[in-house]
C-alpha atoms as a PDB file:
ATOM      1  CA  MET A   1      -2.105  32.456  17.632  1.00  0.00           C
ATOM      2  CA  ALA A   2      -2.158  32.129  13.989  1.00  0.00           C
ATOM      3  CA  LEU A   3      -1.116  28.425  13.892  1.00  0.00           C
ATOM      4  CA  ASP A   4      -3.632  25.472  13.737  1.00  0.00           C
ATOM      5  CA  ALA A   5      -3.994  23.592  17.186  1.00  0.00           C
ATOM      6  CA  GLN A   6      -1.603  21.010  16.394  1.00  0.00           C
ATOM      7  CA  TYR A   7       1.061  23.548  16.264  1.00  0.00           C
ATOM      8  CA  ARG A   8       0.396  26.051  18.743  1.00  0.00           C
ATOM      9  CA  ASN A   9       2.416  24.568  21.526  1.00  0.00           C
ATOM     10  CA  ALA A  10       5.198  23.142  19.212  1.00  0.00           C
ATOM     11  CA  ARG A  11       8.758  23.733  19.820  1.00  0.00           C
ATOM     12  CA  PRO A  12      10.774  25.525  17.014  1.00  0.00           C
ATOM     13  CA  LYS A  13      12.529  22.443  15.980  1.00  0.00           C
ATOM     14  CA  ARG A  14       9.084  20.724  15.248  1.00  0.00           C
ATOM     15  CA  LEU A  15       7.722  23.673  13.380  1.00  0.00           C
ATOM     16  CA  ARG A  16      10.984  23.835  11.170  1.00  0.00           C
ATOM     17  CA  PHE A  17      10.641  20.093  10.290  1.00  0.00           C
ATOM     18  CA  ALA A  18       6.691  20.351   9.893  1.00  0.00           C
ATOM     19  CA  ILE A  19       6.475  23.691   8.005  1.00  0.00           C
ATOM     20  CA  PHE A  20       9.737  24.235   6.194  1.00  0.00           C
ATOM     21  CA  THR A  21      10.928  20.787   5.296  1.00  0.00           C
ATOM     22  CA  GLN A  22       7.551  19.269   4.180  1.00  0.00           C
ATOM     23  CA  PHE A  23       5.874  22.136   2.622  1.00  0.00           C
ATOM     24  CA  GLY A  24       8.635  24.307   1.034  1.00  0.00           C
ATOM     25  CA  ARG A  25      12.493  24.495   0.349  1.00  0.00           C
ATOM     26  CA  VAL A  26      14.872  26.882   1.995  1.00  0.00           C
ATOM     27  CA  VAL A  27      16.564  28.786  -0.832  1.00  0.00           C
ATOM     28  CA  HIS A  28      19.702  30.802  -0.513  1.00  0.00           C
ATOM     29  CA  HIS A  29      19.874  33.691  -3.197  1.00  0.00           C
ATOM     30  CA  ALA A  30      21.709  36.871  -3.339  1.00  0.00           C
ATOM     31  CA  ARG A  31      22.573  37.021   0.062  1.00  0.00           C
ATOM     32  CA  ARG A  32      18.948  36.282   1.113  1.00  0.00           C
ATOM     33  CA  GLN A  33      17.287  33.152   2.712  1.00  0.00           C
ATOM     34  CA  LEU A  34      13.897  32.421   1.411  1.00  0.00           C
ATOM     35  CA  VAL A  35      11.335  29.663   1.752  1.00  0.00           C
ATOM     36  CA  ARG A  36       9.649  28.418  -1.344  1.00  0.00           C
ATOM     37  CA  LEU A  37       6.123  27.091  -0.478  1.00  0.00           C
ATOM     38  CA  ALA A  38       4.185  24.808  -2.352  1.00  0.00           C
ATOM     39  CA  THR A  39       0.633  25.880  -3.303  1.00  0.00           C
ATOM     40  CA  ARG A  40      -1.090  23.372  -1.335  1.00  0.00           C
ATOM     41  CA  ALA A  41       1.048  24.334   1.668  1.00  0.00           C
ATOM     42  CA  TRP A  42       0.175  27.897   1.099  1.00  0.00           C
ATOM     43  CA  GLU A  43      -3.444  27.189   1.326  1.00  0.00           C
ATOM     44  CA  ALA A  44      -3.192  24.635   4.294  1.00  0.00           C
ATOM     45  CA  VAL A  45      -1.008  26.807   6.581  1.00  0.00           C
ATOM     46  CA  VAL A  46      -0.753  30.312   5.649  1.00  0.00           C
ATOM     47  CA  VAL A  47      -4.127  31.305   4.448  1.00  0.00           C
ATOM     48  CA  PRO A  48      -5.931  30.024   7.524  1.00  0.00           C
ATOM     49  CA  GLY A  49      -3.412  31.636   9.751  1.00  0.00           C
ATOM     50  CA  ARG A  50      -3.944  35.004   8.176  1.00  0.00           C
ATOM     51  CA  ARG A  51      -7.798  34.416   8.487  1.00  0.00           C
ATOM     52  CA  ARG A  52      -7.323  33.937  11.953  1.00  0.00           C
ATOM     53  CA  LEU A  53      -4.987  36.867  12.562  1.00  0.00           C
ATOM     54  CA  THR A  54      -7.516  39.205  10.664  1.00  0.00           C
ATOM     55  CA  ALA A  55     -10.602  38.116  12.669  1.00  0.00           C
ATOM     56  CA  PRO A  56     -11.651  40.256  15.654  1.00  0.00           C
ATOM     57  CA  ALA A  57     -10.720  38.857  19.091  1.00  0.00           C
ATOM     58  CA  TRP A  58     -14.323  39.434  20.294  1.00  0.00           C
ATOM     59  CA  PRO A  59     -17.788  39.486  18.507  1.00  0.00           C
ATOM     60  CA  ALA A  60     -19.174  42.586  17.296  1.00  0.00           C
ATOM     61  CA  PRO A  61     -22.007  44.197  19.162  1.00  0.00           C
END
């Protein structure tokens, strides 16, 4: 629901390639696995997704 139209029906392998390898880097530190995102990736993928998740599903009366 939060993904762009081009990623909504994508399989997990496609999402991993499209988002994690192009926009960020997986980092292992202190027994944790993190994804470091570039600023432009954050603005292109995460911010619009958060907007769509917080938007109401139906219009207000």
